[in-house]
PDB file of N, CA and C in Angstrom:
ATOM      1  N   MET A   1    -262.678 147.075 -24.776  1.00  0.00           N
ATOM      2  CA  MET A   1    -262.367 145.803 -24.161  1.00  0.00           C
ATOM      3  C   MET A   1    -261.402 145.063 -25.095  1.00  0.00           C
ATOM      4  N   ALA A   2    -260.361 144.363 -24.414  1.00  0.00           N
ATOM      5  CA  ALA A   2    -259.486 143.620 -25.199  1.00  0.00           C
ATOM      6  C   ALA A   2    -258.911 142.426 -24.373  1.00  0.00           C
ATOM      7  N   ASN A   3    -258.742 141.368 -25.276  1.00  0.00           N
ATOM      8  CA  ASN A   3    -258.207 140.246 -24.554  1.00  0.00           C
ATOM      9  C   ASN A   3    -256.677 140.217 -24.397  1.00  0.00           C
ATOM     10  N   LEU A   4    -256.267 139.653 -23.386  1.00  0.00           N
ATOM     11  CA  LEU A   4    -254.745 139.662 -22.890  1.00  0.00           C
ATOM     12  C   LEU A   4    -254.140 138.328 -23.136  1.00  0.00           C
ATOM     13  N   VAL A   5    -253.410 138.110 -24.185  1.00  0.00           N
ATOM     14  CA  VAL A   5    -252.879 136.849 -24.241  1.00  0.00           C
ATOM     15  C   VAL A   5    -251.437 136.834 -24.032  1.00  0.00           C
ATOM     16  N   VAL A   6    -251.340 135.641 -22.799  1.00  0.00           N
ATOM     17  CA  VAL A   6    -249.851 135.557 -22.403  1.00  0.00           C
ATOM     18  C   VAL A   6    -249.538 134.208 -22.443  1.00  0.00           C
ATOM     19  N   TRP A   7    -248.372 134.147 -23.480  1.00  0.00           N
ATOM     20  CA  TRP A   7    -247.940 132.915 -23.905  1.00  0.00           C
ATOM     21  C   TRP A   7    -247.223 132.096 -22.791  1.00  0.00           C
ATOM     22  N   GLU A   8    -247.146 130.925 -22.665  1.00  0.00           N
ATOM     23  CA  GLU A   8    -246.738 130.095 -21.438  1.00  0.00           C
ATOM     24  C   GLU A   8    -245.113 130.601 -21.093  1.00  0.00           C
ATOM     25  N   ALA A   9    -244.314 130.821 -21.979  1.00  0.00           N
ATOM     26  CA  ALA A   9    -242.979 131.328 -21.760  1.00  0.00           C
ATOM     27  C   ALA A   9    -243.106 132.784 -21.268  1.00  0.00           C
ATOM     28  N   VAL A  10    -243.810 133.570 -21.542  1.00  0.00           N
ATOM     29  CA  VAL A  10    -244.086 134.733 -20.748  1.00  0.00           C
ATOM     30  C   VAL A  10    -244.491 134.401 -19.327  1.00  0.00           C
ATOM     31  N   TYR A  11    -245.522 133.894 -19.274  1.00  0.00           N
ATOM     32  CA  TYR A  11    -246.186 133.518 -18.003  1.00  0.00           C
ATOM     33  C   TYR A  11    -244.992 132.883 -16.975  1.00  0.00           C
ATOM     34  N   GLU A  12    -244.257 132.007 -17.473  1.00  0.00           N
ATOM     35  CA  GLU A  12    -243.454 131.682 -16.596  1.00  0.00           C
ATOM     36  C   GLU A  12    -242.095 132.503 -16.117  1.00  0.00           C
ATOM     37  N   LYS A  13    -241.897 133.432 -17.006  1.00  0.00           N
ATOM     38  CA  LYS A  13    -240.701 134.125 -16.695  1.00  0.00           C
ATOM     39  C   LYS A  13    -241.385 135.028 -15.955  1.00  0.00           C
ATOM     40  N   HIS A  14    -242.853 135.642 -15.653  1.00  0.00           N
ATOM     41  CA  HIS A  14    -243.111 136.559 -14.881  1.00  0.00           C
ATOM     42  C   HIS A  14    -244.248 136.033 -14.129  1.00  0.00           C
ATOM     43  N   ARG A  15    -243.959 134.573 -13.729  1.00  0.00           N
ATOM     44  CA  ARG A  15    -245.118 133.819 -12.702  1.00  0.00           C
ATOM     45  C   ARG A  15    -245.281 134.718 -11.578  1.00  0.00           C
ATOM     46  N   ARG A  16    -244.117 134.973 -10.934  1.00  0.00           N
ATOM     47  CA  ARG A  16    -244.169 135.712  -9.327  1.00  0.00           C
ATOM     48  C   ARG A  16    -245.033 137.141  -9.571  1.00  0.00           C
ATOM     49  N   THR A  17    -244.817 137.814 -10.524  1.00  0.00           N
ATOM     50  CA  THR A  17    -245.322 138.968 -10.706  1.00  0.00           C
ATOM     51  C   THR A  17    -246.958 138.993 -10.982  1.00  0.00           C
ATOM     52  N   VAL A  18    -247.219 138.040 -11.708  1.00  0.00           N
ATOM     53  CA  VAL A  18    -248.808 137.421 -12.069  1.00  0.00           C
ATOM     54  C   VAL A  18    -249.377 136.952 -10.661  1.00  0.00           C
ATOM     55  N   LEU A  19    -248.986 136.149  -9.834  1.00  0.00           N
ATOM     56  CA  LEU A  19    -249.520 135.396  -8.783  1.00  0.00           C
ATOM     57  C   LEU A  19    -249.569 136.530  -7.425  1.00  0.00           C
ATOM     58  N   THR A  20    -248.525 137.530  -7.505  1.00  0.00           N
ATOM     59  CA  THR A  20    -248.675 138.348  -6.443  1.00  0.00           C
ATOM     60  C   THR A  20    -249.012 139.859  -6.520  1.00  0.00           C
ATOM     61  N   SER A  21    -249.033 140.322  -7.628  1.00  0.00           N
ATOM     62  CA  SER A  21    -249.453 141.663  -7.946  1.00  0.00           C
ATOM     63  C   SER A  21    -251.036 142.063  -7.762  1.00  0.00           C
ATOM     64  N   SER A  22    -251.122 143.468  -7.251  1.00  0.00           N
ATOM     65  CA  SER A  22    -252.644 143.660  -7.294  1.00  0.00           C
ATOM     66  C   SER A  22    -252.946 144.396  -8.619  1.00  0.00           C
ATOM     67  N   MET A  23    -252.047 144.995  -9.113  1.00  0.00           N
ATOM     68  CA  MET A  23    -252.177 145.587 -10.619  1.00  0.00           C
ATOM     69  C   MET A  23    -251.081 145.271 -11.409  1.00  0.00           C
ATOM     70  N   LEU A  24    -251.471 144.641 -12.806  1.00  0.00           N
ATOM     71  CA  LEU A  24    -250.386 144.493 -13.791  1.00  0.00           C
ATOM     72  C   LEU A  24    -250.379 145.619 -14.596  1.00  0.00           C
ATOM     73  N   GLY A  25    -249.082 145.728 -15.093  1.00  0.00           N
ATOM     74  CA  GLY A  25    -248.752 146.695 -16.488  1.00  0.00           C
ATOM     75  C   GLY A  25    -248.369 145.591 -17.489  1.00  0.00           C
ATOM     76  N   VAL A  26    -248.681 145.922 -18.835  1.00  0.00           N
ATOM     77  CA  VAL A  26    -248.473 144.867 -19.727  1.00  0.00           C
ATOM     78  C   VAL A  26    -247.607 145.731 -20.815  1.00  0.00           C
ATOM     79  N   VAL A  27    -246.528 145.306 -21.413  1.00  0.00           N
ATOM     80  CA  VAL A  27    -245.902 145.738 -22.575  1.00  0.00           C
ATOM     81  C   VAL A  27    -246.182 144.542 -23.654  1.00  0.00           C
ATOM     82  N   GLY A  28    -246.652 145.097 -24.782  1.00  0.00           N
ATOM     83  CA  GLY A  28    -247.054 143.898 -25.644  1.00  0.00           C
ATOM     84  C   GLY A  28    -247.320 144.564 -27.077  1.00  0.00           C
ATOM     85  N   ARG A  29    -247.840 143.654 -27.956  1.00  0.00           N
ATOM     86  CA  ARG A  29    -248.215 144.191 -29.125  1.00  0.00           C
ATOM     87  C   ARG A  29    -249.786 144.063 -29.633  1.00  0.00           C
ATOM     88  N   ILE A  30    -250.481 144.817 -30.084  1.00  0.00           N
ATOM     89  CA  ILE A  30    -252.031 144.975 -30.178  1.00  0.00           C
ATOM     90  C   ILE A  30    -252.367 144.224 -31.734  1.00  0.00           C
ATOM     91  N   GLN A  31    -253.152 143.172 -31.596  1.00  0.00           N
ATOM     92  CA  GLN A  31    -253.640 142.704 -32.795  1.00  0.00           C
ATOM     93  C   GLN A  31    -255.136 143.078 -32.901  1.00  0.00           C
ATOM     94  N   ARG A  32    -255.489 143.477 -33.832  1.00  0.00           N
ATOM     95  CA  ARG A  32    -256.928 143.968 -34.221  1.00  0.00           C
ATOM     96  C   ARG A  32    -257.384 143.213 -35.306  1.00  0.00           C
ATOM     97  N   GLU A  33    -258.751 142.649 -35.153  1.00  0.00           N
ATOM     98  CA  GLU A  33    -259.286 141.932 -36.384  1.00  0.00           C
ATOM     99  C   GLU A  33    -260.912 142.180 -36.212  1.00  0.00           C
ATOM    100  N   GLY A  34    -261.267 143.312 -37.005  1.00  0.00           N
ATOM    101  CA  GLY A  34    -262.629 143.746 -36.581  1.00  0.00           C
ATOM    102  C   GLY A  34    -262.919 144.302 -35.528  1.00  0.00           C
ATOM    103  N   ASP A  35    -263.840 143.849 -34.680  1.00  0.00           N
ATOM    104  CA  ASP A  35    -264.142 144.151 -33.429  1.00  0.00           C
ATOM    105  C   ASP A  35    -263.210 143.834 -32.288  1.00  0.00           C
ATOM    106  N   VAL A  36    -262.598 142.571 -32.612  1.00  0.00           N
ATOM    107  CA  VAL A  36    -261.731 141.878 -31.628  1.00  0.00           C
ATOM    108  C   VAL A  36    -260.506 142.506 -31.487  1.00  0.00           C
ATOM    109  N   VAL A  37    -260.105 142.741 -30.248  1.00  0.00           N
ATOM    110  CA  VAL A  37    -258.575 143.204 -30.056  1.00  0.00           C
ATOM    111  C   VAL A  37    -258.176 142.477 -29.149  1.00  0.00           C
ATOM    112  N   HIS A  38    -256.904 142.150 -29.469  1.00  0.00           N
ATOM    113  CA  HIS A  38    -255.992 141.144 -28.550  1.00  0.00           C
ATOM    114  C   HIS A  38    -254.768 142.027 -28.158  1.00  0.00           C
ATOM    115  N   VAL A  39    -254.247 141.780 -26.952  1.00  0.00           N
ATOM    116  CA  VAL A  39    -252.901 142.496 -26.615  1.00  0.00           C
ATOM    117  C   VAL A  39    -251.981 141.211 -26.203  1.00  0.00           C
ATOM    118  N   VAL A  40    -250.898 140.882 -27.165  1.00  0.00           N
ATOM    119  CA  VAL A  40    -250.066 140.054 -26.846  1.00  0.00           C
ATOM    120  C   VAL A  40    -248.972 140.339 -25.936  1.00  0.00           C
ATOM    121  N   ALA A  41    -248.631 139.730 -24.744  1.00  0.00           N
ATOM    122  CA  ALA A  41    -247.842 140.363 -23.693  1.00  0.00           C
ATOM    123  C   ALA A  41    -246.491 140.006 -23.974  1.00  0.00           C
ATOM    124  N   TYR A  42    -245.493 140.877 -23.853  1.00  0.00           N
ATOM    125  CA  TYR A  42    -244.111 140.286 -23.761  1.00  0.00           C
ATOM    126  C   TYR A  42    -243.362 140.647 -22.543  1.00  0.00           C
ATOM    127  N   LYS A  43    -244.165 141.375 -21.697  1.00  0.00           N
ATOM    128  CA  LYS A  43    -243.236 141.697 -20.573  1.00  0.00           C
ATOM    129  C   LYS A  43    -244.621 141.913 -19.494  1.00  0.00           C
ATOM    130  N   LEU A  44    -244.601 141.671 -18.412  1.00  0.00           N
ATOM    131  CA  LEU A  44    -245.646 141.919 -17.251  1.00  0.00           C
ATOM    132  C   LEU A  44    -244.870 142.570 -16.018  1.00  0.00           C
ATOM    133  N   ILE A  45    -245.459 143.718 -15.647  1.00  0.00           N
ATOM    134  CA  ILE A  45    -244.797 144.535 -14.709  1.00  0.00           C
ATOM    135  C   ILE A  45    -245.808 144.757 -13.451  1.00  0.00           C
ATOM    136  N   ASP A  46    -245.202 144.523 -12.264  1.00  0.00           N
ATOM    137  CA  ASP A  46    -246.082 144.757 -10.915  1.00  0.00           C
ATOM    138  C   ASP A  46    -246.393 146.380 -10.910  1.00  0.00           C
ATOM    139  N   LEU A  47    -247.460 146.657 -10.832  1.00  0.00           N
ATOM    140  CA  LEU A  47    -247.790 148.303 -10.622  1.00  0.00           C
ATOM    141  C   LEU A  47    -248.580 148.277  -9.236  1.00  0.00           C
ATOM    142  N   SER A  48    -248.396 147.464  -8.196  1.00  0.00           N
ATOM    143  CA  SER A  48    -249.058 147.441  -6.701  1.00  0.00           C
ATOM    144  C   SER A  48    -248.830 148.662  -6.191  1.00  0.00           C
ATOM    145  N   ALA A  49    -247.525 148.886  -6.103  1.00  0.00           N
ATOM    146  CA  ALA A  49    -247.143 150.240  -5.371  1.00  0.00           C
ATOM    147  C   ALA A  49    -247.785 151.444  -5.913  1.00  0.00           C
ATOM    148  N   GLU A  50    -247.789 151.621  -7.212  1.00  0.00           N
ATOM    149  CA  GLU A  50    -248.740 152.830  -7.907  1.00  0.00           C
ATOM    150  C   GLU A  50    -250.299 152.810  -7.503  1.00  0.00           C
ATOM    151  N   LEU A  51    -250.593 151.609  -7.503  1.00  0.00           N
ATOM    152  CA  LEU A  51    -252.085 151.371  -7.077  1.00  0.00           C
ATOM    153  C   LEU A  51    -252.285 151.592  -5.657  1.00  0.00           C
ATOM    154  N   ALA A  52    -251.324 151.207  -4.691  1.00  0.00           N
ATOM    155  CA  ALA A  52    -251.627 151.523  -3.366  1.00  0.00           C
ATOM    156  C   ALA A  52    -251.405 153.184  -3.003  1.00  0.00           C
ATOM    157  N   SER A  53    -250.801 153.891  -4.060  1.00  0.00           N
ATOM    158  CA  SER A  53    -250.461 155.446  -3.763  1.00  0.00           C
ATOM    159  C   SER A  53    -251.472 156.059  -4.235  1.00  0.00           C
ATOM    160  N   VAL A  54    -252.327 155.623  -4.866  1.00  0.00           N
ATOM    161  CA  VAL A  54    -253.396 156.471  -5.818  1.00  0.00           C
ATOM    162  C   VAL A  54    -254.008 157.612  -5.109  1.00  0.00           C
ATOM    163  N   GLY A  55    -254.499 157.056  -3.687  1.00  0.00           N
ATOM    164  CA  GLY A  55    -255.373 157.905  -2.991  1.00  0.00           C
ATOM    165  C   GLY A  55    -254.557 158.956  -2.446  1.00  0.00           C
ATOM    166  N   GLY A  56    -253.474 159.097  -2.299  1.00  0.00           N
ATOM    167  CA  GLY A  56    -252.360 160.080  -1.617  1.00  0.00           C
ATOM    168  C   GLY A  56    -251.736 160.877  -2.889  1.00  0.00           C
ATOM    169  N   ARG A  57    -251.995 160.627  -4.114  1.00  0.00           N
ATOM    170  CA  ARG A  57    -251.442 161.539  -5.203  1.00  0.00           C
ATOM    171  C   ARG A  57    -251.988 162.741  -5.329  1.00  0.00           C
ATOM    172  N   GLU A  58    -251.090 163.890  -5.528  1.00  0.00           N
ATOM    173  CA  GLU A  58    -251.702 165.074  -6.224  1.00  0.00           C
ATOM    174  C   GLU A  58    -251.654 165.290  -7.789  1.00  0.00           C
ATOM    175  N   ALA A  59    -250.698 164.491  -8.335  1.00  0.00           N
ATOM    176  CA  ALA A  59    -250.624 164.599  -9.549  1.00  0.00           C
ATOM    177  C   ALA A  59    -251.474 163.164 -10.117  1.00  0.00           C
ATOM    178  N   PRO A  60    -252.006 163.462 -11.306  1.00  0.00           N
ATOM    179  CA  PRO A  60    -252.578 162.372 -12.241  1.00  0.00           C
ATOM    180  C   PRO A  60    -251.784 161.047 -12.148  1.00  0.00           C
ATOM    181  N   PHE A  61    -252.453 159.816 -12.285  1.00  0.00           N
ATOM    182  CA  PHE A  61    -251.786 158.854 -12.275  1.00  0.00           C
ATOM    183  C   PHE A  61    -250.955 158.550 -13.766  1.00  0.00           C
ATOM    184  N   PRO A  62    -249.463 158.391 -13.722  1.00  0.00           N
ATOM    185  CA  PRO A  62    -248.966 158.670 -15.060  1.00  0.00           C
ATOM    186  C   PRO A  62    -248.995 157.192 -15.891  1.00  0.00           C
ATOM    187  N   LEU A  63    -249.555 157.259 -16.914  1.00  0.00           N
ATOM    188  CA  LEU A  63    -249.671 156.175 -17.700  1.00  0.00           C
ATOM    189  C   LEU A  63    -249.064 156.495 -19.174  1.00  0.00           C
ATOM    190  N   PRO A  64    -248.193 155.830 -19.662  1.00  0.00           N
ATOM    191  CA  PRO A  64    -247.635 156.278 -21.080  1.00  0.00           C
ATOM    192  C   PRO A  64    -248.645 155.677 -22.012  1.00  0.00           C
ATOM    193  N   HIS A  65    -248.970 156.371 -23.228  1.00  0.00           N
ATOM    194  CA  HIS A  65    -249.856 156.074 -24.422  1.00  0.00           C
ATOM    195  C   HIS A  65    -249.178 155.907 -25.481  1.00  0.00           C
ATOM    196  N   GLY A  66    -249.685 154.797 -26.207  1.00  0.00           N
ATOM    197  CA  GLY A  66    -248.895 154.748 -27.879  1.00  0.00           C
ATOM    198  C   GLY A  66    -249.878 155.098 -28.712  1.00  0.00           C
ATOM    199  N   ARG A  67    -249.332 154.892 -30.031  1.00  0.00           N
ATOM    200  CA  ARG A  67    -250.070 155.308 -31.237  1.00  0.00           C
ATOM    201  C   ARG A  67    -251.703 154.606 -31.346  1.00  0.00           C
ATOM    202  N   GLY A  68    -251.818 153.404 -30.572  1.00  0.00           N
ATOM    203  CA  GLY A  68    -252.987 152.768 -30.666  1.00  0.00           C
ATOM    204  C   GLY A  68    -254.316 153.189 -29.573  1.00  0.00           C
ATOM    205  N   ASP A  69    -253.587 154.326 -28.691  1.00  0.00           N
ATOM    206  CA  ASP A  69    -254.414 154.861 -27.809  1.00  0.00           C
ATOM    207  C   ASP A  69    -255.595 155.982 -28.489  1.00  0.00           C
ATOM    208  N   GLU A  70    -256.457 155.549 -28.847  1.00  0.00           N
ATOM    209  CA  GLU A  70    -257.830 156.336 -29.284  1.00  0.00           C
ATOM    210  C   GLU A  70    -258.138 157.345 -28.624  1.00  0.00           C
ATOM    211  N   PHE A  71    -258.077 157.244 -27.192  1.00  0.00           N
ATOM    212  CA  PHE A  71    -258.485 158.409 -26.261  1.00  0.00           C
ATOM    213  C   PHE A  71    -257.590 159.538 -26.417  1.00  0.00           C
ATOM    214  N   HIS A  72    -256.325 159.224 -26.463  1.00  0.00           N
ATOM    215  CA  HIS A  72    -255.544 160.335 -26.560  1.00  0.00           C
ATOM    216  C   HIS A  72    -255.212 160.840 -27.643  1.00  0.00           C
ATOM    217  N   ARG A  73    -255.481 160.095 -28.713  1.00  0.00           N
ATOM    218  CA  ARG A  73    -255.142 160.535 -30.213  1.00  0.00           C
ATOM    219  C   ARG A  73    -256.322 161.501 -30.548  1.00  0.00           C
ATOM    220  N   GLY A  74    -257.603 160.889 -30.134  1.00  0.00           N
ATOM    221  CA  GLY A  74    -258.576 162.016 -30.468  1.00  0.00           C
ATOM    222  C   GLY A  74    -259.484 161.234 -31.653  1.00  0.00           C
ATOM    223  N   PRO A  75    -260.906 161.460 -31.640  1.00  0.00           N
ATOM    224  CA  PRO A  75    -261.574 160.707 -32.611  1.00  0.00           C
ATOM    225  C   PRO A  75    -261.540 161.289 -33.957  1.00  0.00           C
ATOM    226  N   SER A  76    -261.054 162.624 -34.241  1.00  0.00           N
ATOM    227  CA  SER A  76    -260.858 163.285 -35.328  1.00  0.00           C
ATOM    228  C   SER A  76    -259.509 163.110 -35.888  1.00  0.00           C
ATOM    229  N   ALA A  77    -258.669 162.519 -35.158  1.00  0.00           N
ATOM    230  CA  ALA A  77    -257.328 162.321 -35.883  1.00  0.00           C
ATOM    231  C   ALA A  77    -257.250 161.442 -36.822  1.00  0.00           C
ATOM    232  N   PRO A  78    -256.649 161.386 -37.629  1.00  0.00           N
ATOM    233  CA  PRO A  78    -256.461 160.259 -38.736  1.00  0.00           C
ATOM    234  C   PRO A  78    -255.612 158.978 -38.173  1.00  0.00           C
ATOM    235  N   ASP A  79    -256.323 157.782 -38.770  1.00  0.00           N
ATOM    236  CA  ASP A  79    -255.891 156.478 -38.140  1.00  0.00           C
ATOM    237  C   ASP A  79    -254.460 156.188 -38.869  1.00  0.00           C
ATOM    238  N   PRO A  80    -253.646 155.865 -38.018  1.00  0.00           N
ATOM    239  CA  PRO A  80    -252.156 155.844 -38.640  1.00  0.00           C
ATOM    240  C   PRO A  80    -252.181 154.600 -39.529  1.00  0.00           C
ATOM    241  N   ARG A  81    -252.829 153.564 -39.470  1.00  0.00           N
ATOM    242  CA  ARG A  81    -252.792 152.573 -40.379  1.00  0.00           C
ATOM    243  C   ARG A  81    -253.355 152.749 -41.598  1.00  0.00           C
ATOM    244  N   HIS A  82    -253.920 153.977 -41.761  1.00  0.00           N
ATOM    245  CA  HIS A  82    -254.466 154.161 -43.022  1.00  0.00           C
ATOM    246  C   HIS A  82    -253.765 155.261 -44.025  1.00  0.00           C
ATOM    247  N   GLY A  83    -252.632 155.058 -44.039  1.00  0.00           N
ATOM    248  CA  GLY A  83    -251.764 155.900 -44.756  1.00  0.00           C
ATOM    249  C   GLY A  83    -251.831 155.706 -46.385  1.00  0.00           C
ATOM    250  N   PRO A  84    -250.975 156.269 -47.218  1.00  0.00           N
ATOM    251  CA  PRO A  84    -251.065 156.114 -48.385  1.00  0.00           C
ATOM    252  C   PRO A  84    -250.563 154.588 -48.719  1.00  0.00           C
ATOM    253  N   PRO A  85    -250.970 153.940 -49.783  1.00  0.00           N
ATOM    254  CA  PRO A  85    -250.453 152.546 -50.302  1.00  0.00           C
ATOM    255  C   PRO A  85    -249.088 152.543 -50.483  1.00  0.00           C
ATOM    256  N   ARG A  86    -248.629 151.431 -49.981  1.00  0.00           N
ATOM    257  CA  ARG A  86    -247.201 151.227 -50.163  1.00  0.00           C
ATOM    258  C   ARG A  86    -246.527 150.774 -51.189  1.00  0.00           C
ATOM    259  N   GLY A  87    -247.390 150.500 -52.236  1.00  0.00           N
ATOM    260  CA  GLY A  87    -246.948 149.827 -53.639  1.00  0.00           C
ATOM    261  C   GLY A  87    -248.493 149.433 -54.237  1.00  0.00           C
ATOM    262  N   PRO A  88    -248.068 148.732 -55.595  1.00  0.00           N
ATOM    263  CA  PRO A  88    -249.197 148.238 -56.313  1.00  0.00           C
ATOM    264  C   PRO A  88    -249.679 146.959 -55.564  1.00  0.00           C
ATOM    265  N   MET A  89    -251.018 146.935 -55.679  1.00  0.00           N
ATOM    266  CA  MET A  89    -251.989 145.971 -55.009  1.00  0.00           C
ATOM    267  C   MET A  89    -251.737 144.589 -56.002  1.00  0.00           C
ATOM    268  N   ALA A  90    -252.119 143.582 -55.420  1.00  0.00           N
ATOM    269  CA  ALA A  90    -251.908 142.378 -56.341  1.00  0.00           C
ATOM    270  C   ALA A  90    -253.010 142.229 -57.484  1.00  0.00           C
ATOM    271  N   ALA A  91    -254.203 142.977 -57.209  1.00  0.00           N
ATOM    272  CA  ALA A  91    -255.049 143.004 -58.350  1.00  0.00           C
ATOM    273  C   ALA A  91    -254.545 143.819 -59.483  1.00  0.00           C
ATOM    274  N   ASP A  92    -253.729 144.814 -59.067  1.00  0.00           N
ATOM    275  CA  ASP A  92    -253.246 145.735 -60.059  1.00  0.00           C
ATOM    276  C   ASP A  92    -252.143 145.220 -60.888  1.00  0.00           C
ATOM    277  N   VAL A  93    -251.423 144.225 -60.631  1.00  0.00           N
ATOM    278  CA  VAL A  93    -250.350 143.489 -61.426  1.00  0.00           C
ATOM    279  C   VAL A  93    -250.886 142.612 -62.662  1.00  0.00           C
ATOM    280  N   TYR A  94    -250.656 142.940 -63.552  1.00  0.00           N
ATOM    281  CA  TYR A  94    -250.850 142.290 -64.943  1.00  0.00           C
ATOM    282  C   TYR A  94    -249.731 141.579 -65.475  1.00  0.00           C
ATOM    283  N   LEU A  95    -249.797 140.363 -65.687  1.00  0.00           N
ATOM    284  CA  LEU A  95    -248.601 139.468 -66.292  1.00  0.00           C
ATOM    285  C   LEU A  95    -249.195 138.777 -67.876  1.00  0.00           C
ATOM    286  N   PRO A  96    -248.765 139.383 -68.859  1.00  0.00           N
ATOM    287  CA  PRO A  96    -249.418 138.761 -70.041  1.00  0.00           C
ATOM    288  C   PRO A  96    -249.075 137.599 -70.038  1.00  0.00           C
ATOM    289  N   GLY A  97    -250.044 136.713 -70.548  1.00  0.00           N
ATOM    290  CA  GLY A  97    -249.864 135.139 -70.739  1.00  0.00           C
ATOM    291  C   GLY A  97    -250.018 134.189 -69.448  1.00  0.00           C
ATOM    292  N   GLN A  98    -249.930 134.972 -68.255  1.00  0.00           N
ATOM    293  CA  GLN A  98    -250.048 134.119 -67.049  1.00  0.00           C
ATOM    294  C   GLN A  98    -251.117 134.740 -66.298  1.00  0.00           C
ATOM    295  N   ARG A  99    -251.754 133.666 -65.144  1.00  0.00           N
ATOM    296  CA  ARG A  99    -252.957 133.897 -64.636  1.00  0.00           C
ATOM    297  C   ARG A  99    -252.589 133.521 -63.217  1.00  0.00           C
ATOM    298  N   ILE A 100    -252.901 134.330 -62.518  1.00  0.00           N
ATOM    299  CA  ILE A 100    -252.501 133.991 -60.998  1.00  0.00           C
ATOM    300  C   ILE A 100    -253.742 133.463 -60.482  1.00  0.00           C
ATOM    301  N   GLU A 101    -253.611 132.232 -59.875  1.00  0.00           N
ATOM    302  CA  GLU A 101    -254.728 131.477 -59.230  1.00  0.00           C
ATOM    303  C   GLU A 101    -255.090 132.036 -57.878  1.00  0.00           C
ATOM    304  N   SER A 102    -254.134 132.167 -57.034  1.00  0.00           N
ATOM    305  CA  SER A 102    -254.259 132.603 -55.679  1.00  0.00           C
ATOM    306  C   SER A 102    -253.158 133.358 -55.066  1.00  0.00           C
ATOM    307  N   ILE A 103    -253.353 134.006 -54.226  1.00  0.00           N
ATOM    308  CA  ILE A 103    -252.404 134.822 -53.604  1.00  0.00           C
ATOM    309  C   ILE A 103    -252.356 134.361 -52.073  1.00  0.00           C
ATOM    310  N   ARG A 104    -251.305 133.878 -51.578  1.00  0.00           N
ATOM    311  CA  ARG A 104    -251.564 133.257 -50.145  1.00  0.00           C
ATOM    312  C   ARG A 104    -251.169 134.497 -49.205  1.00  0.00           C
ATOM    313  N   GLN A 105    -251.892 134.606 -48.098  1.00  0.00           N
ATOM    314  CA  GLN A 105    -251.571 135.587 -47.103  1.00  0.00           C
ATOM    315  C   GLN A 105    -251.212 134.858 -45.866  1.00  0.00           C
ATOM    316  N   LYS A 106    -250.330 135.314 -44.988  1.00  0.00           N
ATOM    317  CA  LYS A 106    -250.035 134.859 -43.712  1.00  0.00           C
ATOM    318  C   LYS A 106    -250.973 134.801 -43.149  1.00  0.00           C
ATOM    319  N   THR A 107    -251.575 133.972 -42.128  1.00  0.00           N
ATOM    320  CA  THR A 107    -252.640 133.963 -41.194  1.00  0.00           C
ATOM    321  C   THR A 107    -252.193 134.531 -39.890  1.00  0.00           C
ATOM    322  N   ARG A 108    -253.197 134.899 -39.276  1.00  0.00           N
ATOM    323  CA  ARG A 108    -252.808 135.536 -37.886  1.00  0.00           C
ATOM    324  C   ARG A 108    -253.631 134.458 -36.905  1.00  0.00           C
ATOM    325  N   ASP A 109    -253.024 133.875 -35.966  1.00  0.00           N
ATOM    326  CA  ASP A 109    -253.509 132.730 -35.179  1.00  0.00           C
ATOM    327  C   ASP A 109    -253.600 133.285 -33.717  1.00  0.00           C
ATOM    328  N   PHE A 110    -254.793 133.553 -33.320  1.00  0.00           N
ATOM    329  CA  PHE A 110    -254.970 134.180 -31.991  1.00  0.00           C
ATOM    330  C   PHE A 110    -255.464 133.095 -31.000  1.00  0.00           C
ATOM    331  N   HIS A 111    -255.087 131.881 -31.078  1.00  0.00           N
ATOM    332  CA  HIS A 111    -255.168 130.775 -30.175  1.00  0.00           C
ATOM    333  C   HIS A 111    -254.207 130.923 -29.154  1.00  0.00           C
TER     334      HIS A 111
END
């Protein structure tokens, strides 16, 4: 389960699609914090014609999948986010005679 986040500007741009379609396709970015998953929409696509043709199809319903699709990647495949470290961590940096009080991390606002 995921939350779909549609900012006002994206909604206004795709208002007709949102109000008239039977099925929406979403192009966006996945944000995950623990068990909470958000999809921040960049583009909304009307998939009503594809939904209407489901009963008459001989081939499976075509859906592209990305690197965040755990079903297609498989449970035993390595998580692409857990690669080798990119460089020294803040705790590994030693500056003689200096003390680091805090390190500011950019926050993620899901509102």
